């Protein structure tokens, strides 16, 4: 699966936010400046089998020395629990990678296959999902494509206050949408009820995958089920753009030794996303190659304190 996060457009977005850009054997590696002249390196959503570690690691070492990097993080998009599990783990261990203490991109995702007809996509949804789409249609909720970040951001800020997550500045969304929308890689959809914006989302479209990048909804008028119709229209738009998969991104972790706090945190949004059918997947997630062990330990402590 090819990732939007490994494109020149994503590189341009990150560069506009102060990250430095490196391309190593067609793999995007981002350099994040840190205090005291330090940094860390990060390759988002890479395909494990795209990397030739014999060539890649010497180049990483060279950059890490010049940039005084604490560590290099590789975020693998490959699905876990496959026949390649042991092979991947052995190669990473041999090359001194350790499992990251945190994930930047969602490790657990809900992905819906959308290659069939609209009828077949609706049929594989859960009954409540189909029902709530009809409720929104009955209430005459209207879904519109928009380029007005203000409409999205007002709803996003209210959602953040309600659900207690950090708000990115509006300038971030302005840059993101400007860079990705000009090449048709992103669209913004607004759900209106009685002409009032009540839900909104930014969706990306790259290769065969459409992704639910950001979303928000008001507490008011929740009875009209606008977010359900918003996603249904996003799925139809994804089909128009020849996508085969709809990635709803983060859901609760599953399997052995899961983070119970994280599972509880994502329980509500997981129930919502599961209404659209599909399957929950675990990616291989992030692994770190540590260059400065003492600084890495300090960085880990600071990040955990910041996130808590």
C-alpha atoms as a PDB file:
ATOM      1  CA  UNK A   1       0.000   0.000   0.000  1.00  0.00           C
ATOM      2  CA  UNK A   2       1.514   3.339  -1.050  1.00  0.00           C
ATOM      3  CA  UNK A   3       1.222   6.172   1.430  1.00  0.00           C
ATOM      4  CA  UNK A   4       0.506   9.849   0.897  1.00  0.00           C
ATOM      5  CA  UNK A   5       3.023  10.481   3.677  1.00  0.00           C
ATOM      6  CA  UNK A   6       5.792   9.356   1.314  1.00  0.00           C
ATOM      7  CA  UNK A   7       5.098  11.932  -1.405  1.00  0.00           C
ATOM      8  CA  UNK A   8       6.667  15.235  -2.448  1.00  0.00           C
ATOM      9  CA  UNK A   9       3.428  16.980  -1.454  1.00  0.00           C
ATOM     10  CA  UNK A  10       3.672  15.685   2.131  1.00  0.00           C
ATOM     11  CA  UNK A  11       7.339  16.653   2.165  1.00  0.00           C
ATOM     12  CA  UNK A  12       6.382  20.184   1.093  1.00  0.00           C
ATOM     13  CA  UNK A  13       3.828  20.384   3.911  1.00  0.00           C
ATOM     14  CA  UNK A  14       6.312  19.264   6.545  1.00  0.00           C
ATOM     15  CA  UNK A  15       8.998  21.572   5.175  1.00  0.00           C
ATOM     16  CA  UNK A  16       6.592  24.500   5.535  1.00  0.00           C
ATOM     17  CA  UNK A  17       6.304  23.540   9.234  1.00  0.00           C
ATOM     18  CA  UNK A  18      10.019  23.621   9.912  1.00  0.00           C
ATOM     19  CA  UNK A  19      11.036  20.036   9.216  1.00  0.00           C
ATOM     20  CA  UNK A  20      14.088  19.348   7.017  1.00  0.00           C
ATOM     21  CA  UNK A  21      13.684  16.982   4.082  1.00  0.00           C
ATOM     22  CA  UNK A  22      15.872  14.067   3.030  1.00  0.00           C
ATOM     23  CA  UNK A  23      15.206  11.587   0.238  1.00  0.00           C
ATOM     24  CA  UNK A  24      17.087   8.297   0.635  1.00  0.00           C
ATOM     25  CA  UNK A  25      16.514   5.750  -2.133  1.00  0.00           C
ATOM     26  CA  UNK A  26      13.070   7.319  -2.780  1.00  0.00           C
ATOM     27  CA  UNK A  27      12.193   7.100   0.924  1.00  0.00           C
ATOM     28  CA  UNK A  28      11.167  10.353   2.593  1.00  0.00           C
ATOM     29  CA  UNK A  29      13.038  10.951   5.844  1.00  0.00           C
ATOM     30  CA  UNK A  30      12.026  13.993   7.880  1.00  0.00           C
ATOM     31  CA  UNK A  31      14.377  15.770  10.258  1.00  0.00           C
ATOM     32  CA  UNK A  32      12.767  17.470  13.255  1.00  0.00           C
ATOM     33  CA  UNK A  33      14.976  20.127  14.908  1.00  0.00           C
ATOM     34  CA  UNK A  34      15.075  19.960  18.722  1.00  0.00           C
ATOM     35  CA  UNK A  35      16.570  22.232  21.396  1.00  0.00           C
ATOM     36  CA  UNK A  36      20.323  22.214  22.072  1.00  0.00           C
ATOM     37  CA  UNK A  37      21.136  21.666  18.397  1.00  0.00           C
ATOM     38  CA  UNK A  38      19.703  18.135  18.444  1.00  0.00           C
ATOM     39  CA  UNK A  39      17.093  16.511  16.194  1.00  0.00           C
ATOM     40  CA  UNK A  40      15.373  13.245  15.415  1.00  0.00           C
ATOM     41  CA  UNK A  41      14.775  11.566  12.047  1.00  0.00           C
ATOM     42  CA  UNK A  42      11.428  10.132  10.997  1.00  0.00           C
ATOM     43  CA  UNK A  43      10.288   8.175   7.950  1.00  0.00           C
ATOM     44  CA  UNK A  44       6.461   8.028   8.001  1.00  0.00           C
ATOM     45  CA  UNK A  45       4.435   5.061   6.696  1.00  0.00           C
ATOM     46  CA  UNK A  46       7.156   3.282   4.757  1.00  0.00           C
ATOM     47  CA  UNK A  47       6.875  -0.128   3.132  1.00  0.00           C
ATOM     48  CA  UNK A  48       9.312  -2.437   4.917  1.00  0.00           C
ATOM     49  CA  UNK A  49      10.088  -4.324   1.719  1.00  0.00           C
ATOM     50  CA  UNK A  50      11.054  -1.083  -0.031  1.00  0.00           C
ATOM     51  CA  UNK A  51      14.083  -0.663   2.234  1.00  0.00           C
ATOM     52  CA  UNK A  52      17.485  -2.140   1.459  1.00  0.00           C
ATOM     53  CA  UNK A  53      19.012  -1.844   4.924  1.00  0.00           C
ATOM     54  CA  UNK A  54      22.563  -2.426   3.628  1.00  0.00           C
ATOM     55  CA  UNK A  55      22.314   0.820   1.631  1.00  0.00           C
ATOM     56  CA  UNK A  56      19.821   2.706   3.763  1.00  0.00           C
ATOM     57  CA  UNK A  57      21.491   2.515   7.184  1.00  0.00           C
ATOM     58  CA  UNK A  58      24.895   3.964   6.201  1.00  0.00           C
ATOM     59  CA  UNK A  59      23.075   6.967   4.721  1.00  0.00           C
ATOM     60  CA  UNK A  60      20.987   7.342   7.884  1.00  0.00           C
ATOM     61  CA  UNK A  61      24.130   7.211   9.990  1.00  0.00           C
ATOM     62  CA  UNK A  62      25.722   9.941   7.886  1.00  0.00           C
ATOM     63  CA  UNK A  63      22.694  12.223   8.258  1.00  0.00           C
ATOM     64  CA  UNK A  64      22.326  11.461  11.976  1.00  0.00           C
ATOM     65  CA  UNK A  65      25.927  12.527  12.637  1.00  0.00           C
ATOM     66  CA  UNK A  66      25.544  15.796  10.717  1.00  0.00           C
ATOM     67  CA  UNK A  67      22.159  16.602  12.293  1.00  0.00           C
ATOM     68  CA  UNK A  68      23.047  15.411  15.821  1.00  0.00           C
ATOM     69  CA  UNK A  69      20.001  13.152  15.789  1.00  0.00           C
ATOM     70  CA  UNK A  70      18.942  11.367  18.963  1.00  0.00           C
ATOM     71  CA  UNK A  71      17.234   8.564  17.036  1.00  0.00           C
ATOM     72  CA  UNK A  72      15.756   7.538  13.703  1.00  0.00           C
ATOM     73  CA  UNK A  73      12.137   6.351  13.689  1.00  0.00           C
ATOM     74  CA  UNK A  74      10.744   4.197  10.885  1.00  0.00           C
ATOM     75  CA  UNK A  75       6.961   3.914  10.774  1.00  0.00           C
ATOM     76  CA  UNK A  76       5.940   0.744   8.914  1.00  0.00           C
ATOM     77  CA  UNK A  77       2.574   0.635   7.165  1.00  0.00           C
ATOM     78  CA  UNK A  78       2.800  -3.131   6.580  1.00  0.00           C
ATOM     79  CA  UNK A  79       0.064  -5.200   8.195  1.00  0.00           C
ATOM     80  CA  UNK A  80       1.063  -7.159  11.272  1.00  0.00           C
ATOM     81  CA  UNK A  81       0.126 -10.808  11.818  1.00  0.00           C
ATOM     82  CA  UNK A  82       1.218 -11.961   8.376  1.00  0.00           C
ATOM     83  CA  UNK A  83       3.617 -14.678   7.205  1.00  0.00           C
ATOM     84  CA  UNK A  84       6.365 -12.031   7.130  1.00  0.00           C
ATOM     85  CA  UNK A  85       6.132 -11.209  10.876  1.00  0.00           C
ATOM     86  CA  UNK A  86       9.189 -13.091  12.037  1.00  0.00           C
ATOM     87  CA  UNK A  87      11.238 -12.034   9.033  1.00  0.00           C
ATOM     88  CA  UNK A  88      10.560  -8.354   9.667  1.00  0.00           C
ATOM     89  CA  UNK A  89      11.228  -8.626  13.399  1.00  0.00           C
ATOM     90  CA  UNK A  90      14.492 -10.487  12.858  1.00  0.00           C
ATOM     91  CA  UNK A  91      15.821  -7.941  10.363  1.00  0.00           C
ATOM     92  CA  UNK A  92      14.902  -5.025  12.637  1.00  0.00           C
ATOM     93  CA  UNK A  93      16.489  -6.686  15.652  1.00  0.00           C
ATOM     94  CA  UNK A  94      19.656  -7.514  13.695  1.00  0.00           C
ATOM     95  CA  UNK A  95      19.929  -3.841  12.703  1.00  0.00           C
ATOM     96  CA  UNK A  96      19.508  -2.680  16.339  1.00  0.00           C
ATOM     97  CA  UNK A  97      15.978  -1.281  16.027  1.00  0.00           C
ATOM     98  CA  UNK A  98      13.745  -1.314  19.101  1.00  0.00           C
ATOM     99  CA  UNK A  99       9.974  -0.886  19.339  1.00  0.00           C
ATOM    100  CA  UNK A 100       9.074   2.798  19.703  1.00  0.00           C
ATOM    101  CA  UNK A 101       7.690   3.990  23.032  1.00  0.00           C
ATOM    102  CA  UNK A 102       4.942   5.887  21.161  1.00  0.00           C
ATOM    103  CA  UNK A 103       3.274   5.956  17.751  1.00  0.00           C
ATOM    104  CA  UNK A 104       3.053   9.058  15.577  1.00  0.00           C
ATOM    105  CA  UNK A 105       0.670   7.512  13.040  1.00  0.00           C
ATOM    106  CA  UNK A 106      -2.210   5.210  14.083  1.00  0.00           C
ATOM    107  CA  UNK A 107      -1.004   1.656  14.633  1.00  0.00           C
ATOM    108  CA  UNK A 108      -4.573   0.272  14.719  1.00  0.00           C
ATOM    109  CA  UNK A 109      -6.935   1.220  11.880  1.00  0.00           C
ATOM    110  CA  UNK A 110     -10.391   0.524  10.516  1.00  0.00           C
ATOM    111  CA  UNK A 111     -10.247  -0.059   6.755  1.00  0.00           C
ATOM    112  CA  UNK A 112     -13.252  -0.569   4.466  1.00  0.00           C
ATOM    113  CA  UNK A 113     -12.938  -2.147   1.035  1.00  0.00           C
ATOM    114  CA  UNK A 114     -14.963  -0.043  -1.428  1.00  0.00           C
ATOM    115  CA  UNK A 115     -14.397  -1.808  -4.738  1.00  0.00           C
ATOM    116  CA  UNK A 116     -17.973  -3.046  -5.058  1.00  0.00           C
ATOM    117  CA  UNK A 117     -21.185  -1.211  -5.919  1.00  0.00           C
ATOM    118  CA  UNK A 118     -22.728   1.344  -3.587  1.00  0.00           C
ATOM    119  CA  UNK A 119     -25.343  -1.237  -2.700  1.00  0.00           C
ATOM    120  CA  UNK A 120     -22.726  -3.814  -1.729  1.00  0.00           C
ATOM    121  CA  UNK A 121     -20.802  -1.266   0.366  1.00  0.00           C
ATOM    122  CA  UNK A 122     -23.990  -0.359   2.221  1.00  0.00           C
ATOM    123  CA  UNK A 123     -24.828  -4.037   2.667  1.00  0.00           C
ATOM    124  CA  UNK A 124     -21.562  -4.781   4.474  1.00  0.00           C
ATOM    125  CA  UNK A 125     -22.092  -1.909   6.917  1.00  0.00           C
ATOM    126  CA  UNK A 126     -23.638  -2.586  10.297  1.00  0.00           C
ATOM    127  CA  UNK A 127     -27.425  -2.044  10.404  1.00  0.00           C
ATOM    128  CA  UNK A 128     -27.049   1.010  12.635  1.00  0.00           C
ATOM    129  CA  UNK A 129     -24.657   2.576  10.132  1.00  0.00           C
ATOM    130  CA  UNK A 130     -27.107   2.194   7.253  1.00  0.00           C
ATOM    131  CA  UNK A 131     -29.966   3.375   9.449  1.00  0.00           C
ATOM    132  CA  UNK A 132     -28.167   6.536  10.560  1.00  0.00           C
ATOM    133  CA  UNK A 133     -27.301   7.446   6.968  1.00  0.00           C
ATOM    134  CA  UNK A 134     -31.023   7.276   6.194  1.00  0.00           C
ATOM    135  CA  UNK A 135     -31.793   9.378   9.288  1.00  0.00           C
ATOM    136  CA  UNK A 136     -29.465  12.124   8.023  1.00  0.00           C
ATOM    137  CA  UNK A 137     -31.034  11.964   4.565  1.00  0.00           C
ATOM    138  CA  UNK A 138     -34.520  12.135   6.098  1.00  0.00           C
ATOM    139  CA  UNK A 139     -33.503  15.293   7.976  1.00  0.00           C
ATOM    140  CA  UNK A 140     -32.243  16.721   4.666  1.00  0.00           C
ATOM    141  CA  UNK A 141     -28.651  17.089   5.809  1.00  0.00           C
ATOM    142  CA  UNK A 142     -26.642  18.473   2.874  1.00  0.00           C
ATOM    143  CA  UNK A 143     -23.006  17.535   2.198  1.00  0.00           C
ATOM    144  CA  UNK A 144     -20.965  20.111   0.274  1.00  0.00           C
ATOM    145  CA  UNK A 145     -17.388  20.283  -0.930  1.00  0.00           C
ATOM    146  CA  UNK A 146     -15.752  23.405   0.446  1.00  0.00           C
ATOM    147  CA  UNK A 147     -12.454  25.285   0.453  1.00  0.00           C
ATOM    148  CA  UNK A 148     -13.383  27.438   3.455  1.00  0.00           C
ATOM    149  CA  UNK A 149     -11.113  26.367   6.295  1.00  0.00           C
ATOM    150  CA  UNK A 150     -13.017  28.657   8.682  1.00  0.00           C
ATOM    151  CA  UNK A 151     -16.117  26.445   8.506  1.00  0.00           C
ATOM    152  CA  UNK A 152     -14.050  23.377   9.349  1.00  0.00           C
ATOM    153  CA  UNK A 153     -11.913  25.017  12.013  1.00  0.00           C
ATOM    154  CA  UNK A 154     -14.818  26.420  14.048  1.00  0.00           C
ATOM    155  CA  UNK A 155     -16.307  22.953  14.346  1.00  0.00           C
ATOM    156  CA  UNK A 156     -12.895  21.380  14.964  1.00  0.00           C
ATOM    157  CA  UNK A 157     -12.170  23.706  17.902  1.00  0.00           C
ATOM    158  CA  UNK A 158     -15.542  22.991  19.496  1.00  0.00           C
ATOM    159  CA  UNK A 159     -14.959  19.255  19.091  1.00  0.00           C
ATOM    160  CA  UNK A 160     -11.499  19.567  20.674  1.00  0.00           C
ATOM    161  CA  UNK A 161     -12.903  21.371  23.709  1.00  0.00           C
ATOM    162  CA  UNK A 162     -15.619  18.737  24.099  1.00  0.00           C
ATOM    163  CA  UNK A 163     -13.376  15.704  23.678  1.00  0.00           C
ATOM    164  CA  UNK A 164     -10.261  17.103  25.331  1.00  0.00           C
ATOM    165  CA  UNK A 165      -7.655  16.828  22.589  1.00  0.00           C
ATOM    166  CA  UNK A 166      -5.023  19.317  21.482  1.00  0.00           C
ATOM    167  CA  UNK A 167      -5.949  21.900  18.847  1.00  0.00           C
ATOM    168  CA  UNK A 168      -3.581  22.543  15.971  1.00  0.00           C
ATOM    169  CA  UNK A 169      -3.388  26.161  14.799  1.00  0.00           C
ATOM    170  CA  UNK A 170      -5.578  27.145  11.863  1.00  0.00           C
ATOM    171  CA  UNK A 171      -2.459  27.899   9.820  1.00  0.00           C
ATOM    172  CA  UNK A 172      -1.609  24.177   9.864  1.00  0.00           C
ATOM    173  CA  UNK A 173      -4.898  23.262   8.197  1.00  0.00           C
ATOM    174  CA  UNK A 174      -4.597  26.158   5.755  1.00  0.00           C
ATOM    175  CA  UNK A 175      -1.181  24.940   4.606  1.00  0.00           C
ATOM    176  CA  UNK A 176      -2.240  21.285   4.556  1.00  0.00           C
ATOM    177  CA  UNK A 177      -5.323  21.924   2.475  1.00  0.00           C
ATOM    178  CA  UNK A 178      -3.635  24.374   0.099  1.00  0.00           C
ATOM    179  CA  UNK A 179      -0.784  21.969  -0.702  1.00  0.00           C
ATOM    180  CA  UNK A 180      -2.835  18.773  -0.975  1.00  0.00           C
ATOM    181  CA  UNK A 181      -5.982  20.178  -2.558  1.00  0.00           C
ATOM    182  CA  UNK A 182      -4.190  21.804  -5.487  1.00  0.00           C
ATOM    183  CA  UNK A 183      -3.171  18.351  -6.747  1.00  0.00           C
ATOM    184  CA  UNK A 184      -6.522  16.733  -5.943  1.00  0.00           C
ATOM    185  CA  UNK A 185      -5.055  14.807  -3.009  1.00  0.00           C
ATOM    186  CA  UNK A 186      -7.419  16.286  -0.414  1.00  0.00           C
ATOM    187  CA  UNK A 187     -11.018  17.473  -0.230  1.00  0.00           C
ATOM    188  CA  UNK A 188     -12.994  19.095   2.548  1.00  0.00           C
ATOM    189  CA  UNK A 189     -16.621  18.135   3.083  1.00  0.00           C
ATOM    190  CA  UNK A 190     -19.066  20.129   5.212  1.00  0.00           C
ATOM    191  CA  UNK A 191     -22.366  18.745   6.511  1.00  0.00           C
ATOM    192  CA  UNK A 192     -25.087  21.376   6.835  1.00  0.00           C
ATOM    193  CA  UNK A 193     -28.383  21.097   8.659  1.00  0.00           C
ATOM    194  CA  UNK A 194     -30.801  23.972   8.007  1.00  0.00           C
ATOM    195  CA  UNK A 195     -27.838  25.669   6.273  1.00  0.00           C
ATOM    196  CA  UNK A 196     -25.760  25.545   9.481  1.00  0.00           C
ATOM    197  CA  UNK A 197     -22.421  23.623   9.424  1.00  0.00           C
ATOM    198  CA  UNK A 198     -22.731  20.785  11.956  1.00  0.00           C
ATOM    199  CA  UNK A 199     -19.970  18.378  10.877  1.00  0.00           C
ATOM    200  CA  UNK A 200     -16.882  18.524   8.693  1.00  0.00           C
ATOM    201  CA  UNK A 201     -13.999  16.410   7.521  1.00  0.00           C
ATOM    202  CA  UNK A 202     -10.761  16.590   5.557  1.00  0.00           C
ATOM    203  CA  UNK A 203     -10.196  13.503   3.425  1.00  0.00           C
ATOM    204  CA  UNK A 204      -7.158  12.508   1.390  1.00  0.00           C
ATOM    205  CA  UNK A 205      -6.978  10.433  -1.796  1.00  0.00           C
ATOM    206  CA  UNK A 206      -3.744   8.816  -2.886  1.00  0.00           C
ATOM    207  CA  UNK A 207      -3.077   5.726  -4.983  1.00  0.00           C
ATOM    208  CA  UNK A 208      -5.775   3.208  -4.037  1.00  0.00           C
ATOM    209  CA  UNK A 209      -6.546   4.601  -0.573  1.00  0.00           C
ATOM    210  CA  UNK A 210      -8.813   7.356   0.707  1.00  0.00           C
ATOM    211  CA  UNK A 211      -8.201   8.399   4.315  1.00  0.00           C
ATOM    212  CA  UNK A 212     -10.259  10.187   6.942  1.00  0.00           C
ATOM    213  CA  UNK A 213      -7.530  12.613   7.989  1.00  0.00           C
ATOM    214  CA  UNK A 214      -9.433  15.017  10.252  1.00  0.00           C
ATOM    215  CA  UNK A 215     -13.027  15.247  11.330  1.00  0.00           C
ATOM    216  CA  UNK A 216     -15.257  17.192  13.693  1.00  0.00           C
ATOM    217  CA  UNK A 217     -18.901  17.559  14.676  1.00  0.00           C
ATOM    218  CA  UNK A 218     -20.978  19.804  16.900  1.00  0.00           C
ATOM    219  CA  UNK A 219     -22.792  18.629  19.995  1.00  0.00           C
ATOM    220  CA  UNK A 220     -25.887  20.405  18.742  1.00  0.00           C
ATOM    221  CA  UNK A 221     -28.198  18.567  16.312  1.00  0.00           C
ATOM    222  CA  UNK A 222     -26.536  15.211  16.940  1.00  0.00           C
ATOM    223  CA  UNK A 223     -29.936  13.617  16.402  1.00  0.00           C
ATOM    224  CA  UNK A 224     -29.723  14.279  12.641  1.00  0.00           C
ATOM    225  CA  UNK A 225     -26.677  11.946  12.345  1.00  0.00           C
ATOM    226  CA  UNK A 226     -24.766  14.240  10.004  1.00  0.00           C
ATOM    227  CA  UNK A 227     -21.355  12.499  10.450  1.00  0.00           C
ATOM    228  CA  UNK A 228     -22.762   9.264   9.003  1.00  0.00           C
ATOM    229  CA  UNK A 229     -23.878  10.939   5.803  1.00  0.00           C
ATOM    230  CA  UNK A 230     -20.582  12.849   5.698  1.00  0.00           C
ATOM    231  CA  UNK A 231     -18.646   9.561   5.586  1.00  0.00           C
ATOM    232  CA  UNK A 232     -20.998   7.994   3.084  1.00  0.00           C
ATOM    233  CA  UNK A 233     -20.460  10.919   0.712  1.00  0.00           C
ATOM    234  CA  UNK A 234     -16.699  10.676   1.309  1.00  0.00           C
ATOM    235  CA  UNK A 235     -16.817   6.995   0.343  1.00  0.00           C
ATOM    236  CA  UNK A 236     -18.707   7.813  -2.853  1.00  0.00           C
ATOM    237  CA  UNK A 237     -16.175  10.537  -3.647  1.00  0.00           C
ATOM    238  CA  UNK A 238     -13.352   8.051  -3.052  1.00  0.00           C
ATOM    239  CA  UNK A 239     -14.926   5.669  -5.561  1.00  0.00           C
ATOM    240  CA  UNK A 240     -15.109   8.494  -8.104  1.00  0.00           C
ATOM    241  CA  UNK A 241     -11.360   8.955  -7.577  1.00  0.00           C
ATOM    242  CA  UNK A 242     -10.806   5.223  -8.231  1.00  0.00           C
ATOM    243  CA  UNK A 243      -9.849   4.340  -4.652  1.00  0.00           C
ATOM    244  CA  UNK A 244     -10.265   0.754  -3.466  1.00  0.00           C
ATOM    245  CA  UNK A 245      -9.965   1.306   0.281  1.00  0.00           C
ATOM    246  CA  UNK A 246     -11.347   3.764   2.810  1.00  0.00           C
ATOM    247  CA  UNK A 247      -9.056   4.149   5.816  1.00  0.00           C
ATOM    248  CA  UNK A 248     -10.880   5.517   8.846  1.00  0.00           C
ATOM    249  CA  UNK A 249      -7.565   5.583  10.739  1.00  0.00           C
ATOM    250  CA  UNK A 250      -7.307   5.242  14.506  1.00  0.00           C
ATOM    251  CA  UNK A 251      -9.338   2.689  16.459  1.00  0.00           C
ATOM    252  CA  UNK A 252      -8.856   0.996  19.844  1.00  0.00           C
ATOM    253  CA  UNK A 253      -5.887  -1.352  20.150  1.00  0.00           C
ATOM    254  CA  UNK A 254      -6.629  -5.073  20.231  1.00  0.00           C
ATOM    255  CA  UNK A 255      -4.744  -8.310  20.871  1.00  0.00           C
ATOM    256  CA  UNK A 256      -2.412  -9.179  23.749  1.00  0.00           C
ATOM    257  CA  UNK A 257      -0.831  -6.655  26.125  1.00  0.00           C
ATOM    258  CA  UNK A 258      -2.826  -3.688  24.833  1.00  0.00           C
ATOM    259  CA  UNK A 259      -2.732  -0.269  26.438  1.00  0.00           C
ATOM    260  CA  UNK A 260      -6.000  -0.289  28.406  1.00  0.00           C
ATOM    261  CA  UNK A 261      -6.074   3.506  28.766  1.00  0.00           C
ATOM    262  CA  UNK A 262      -5.724   3.876  25.006  1.00  0.00           C
ATOM    263  CA  UNK A 263      -8.439   1.267  24.436  1.00  0.00           C
ATOM    264  CA  UNK A 264     -10.845   3.199  26.661  1.00  0.00           C
ATOM    265  CA  UNK A 265      -9.879   6.503  25.031  1.00  0.00           C
ATOM    266  CA  UNK A 266     -10.747   5.231  21.554  1.00  0.00           C
ATOM    267  CA  UNK A 267     -13.769   3.111  22.526  1.00  0.00           C
ATOM    268  CA  UNK A 268     -16.405   5.624  21.401  1.00  0.00           C
ATOM    269  CA  UNK A 269     -14.787   6.570  18.097  1.00  0.00           C
ATOM    270  CA  UNK A 270     -14.145   2.885  17.407  1.00  0.00           C
ATOM    271  CA  UNK A 271     -17.843   2.028  17.779  1.00  0.00           C
ATOM    272  CA  UNK A 272     -18.637   4.850  15.357  1.00  0.00           C
ATOM    273  CA  UNK A 273     -16.095   3.765  12.742  1.00  0.00           C
ATOM    274  CA  UNK A 274     -17.110   0.113  12.946  1.00  0.00           C
ATOM    275  CA  UNK A 275     -20.608   1.056  11.773  1.00  0.00           C
ATOM    276  CA  UNK A 276     -19.180   1.491   8.250  1.00  0.00           C
ATOM    277  CA  UNK A 277     -18.032  -2.121   8.114  1.00  0.00           C
ATOM    278  CA  UNK A 278     -14.597  -3.229   7.037  1.00  0.00           C
ATOM    279  CA  UNK A 279     -11.959  -4.738   9.295  1.00  0.00           C
ATOM    280  CA  UNK A 280      -9.645  -3.561  12.038  1.00  0.00           C
ATOM    281  CA  UNK A 281      -5.975  -3.898  11.168  1.00  0.00           C
ATOM    282  CA  UNK A 282      -2.765  -3.559  13.122  1.00  0.00           C
ATOM    283  CA  UNK A 283       0.203  -2.146  11.254  1.00  0.00           C
ATOM    284  CA  UNK A 284       3.770  -2.962  12.224  1.00  0.00           C
ATOM    285  CA  UNK A 285       4.004   0.517  13.664  1.00  0.00           C
ATOM    286  CA  UNK A 286       7.122   2.406  14.648  1.00  0.00           C
ATOM    287  CA  UNK A 287      10.635   1.234  15.455  1.00  0.00           C
ATOM    288  CA  UNK A 288      13.539   3.360  16.642  1.00  0.00           C
ATOM    289  CA  UNK A 289      17.252   3.200  15.909  1.00  0.00           C
ATOM    290  CA  UNK A 290      18.854   4.971  18.873  1.00  0.00           C
ATOM    291  CA  UNK A 291      21.919   7.126  18.198  1.00  0.00           C
ATOM    292  CA  UNK A 292      22.255   8.863  21.595  1.00  0.00           C
ATOM    293  CA  UNK A 293      20.959   6.633  24.399  1.00  0.00           C
ATOM    294  CA  UNK A 294      21.003   9.167  27.262  1.00  0.00           C
ATOM    295  CA  UNK A 295      19.250  11.845  25.212  1.00  0.00           C
ATOM    296  CA  UNK A 296      16.785   9.219  23.959  1.00  0.00           C
ATOM    297  CA  UNK A 297      15.814   8.296  27.537  1.00  0.00           C
ATOM    298  CA  UNK A 298      15.338  11.968  28.421  1.00  0.00           C
ATOM    299  CA  UNK A 299      13.299  12.571  25.252  1.00  0.00           C
ATOM    300  CA  UNK A 300      11.097   9.572  26.145  1.00  0.00           C
ATOM    301  CA  UNK A 301      10.408  10.925  29.630  1.00  0.00           C
ATOM    302  CA  UNK A 302       9.606  14.420  28.366  1.00  0.00           C
ATOM    303  CA  UNK A 303       7.259  13.101  25.664  1.00  0.00           C
ATOM    304  CA  UNK A 304       5.332  10.945  28.139  1.00  0.00           C
ATOM    305  CA  UNK A 305       4.959  13.870  30.520  1.00  0.00           C
ATOM    306  CA  UNK A 306       3.847  16.147  27.696  1.00  0.00           C
ATOM    307  CA  UNK A 307       1.223  13.701  26.431  1.00  0.00           C
ATOM    308  CA  UNK A 308      -0.158  12.994  29.912  1.00  0.00           C
END
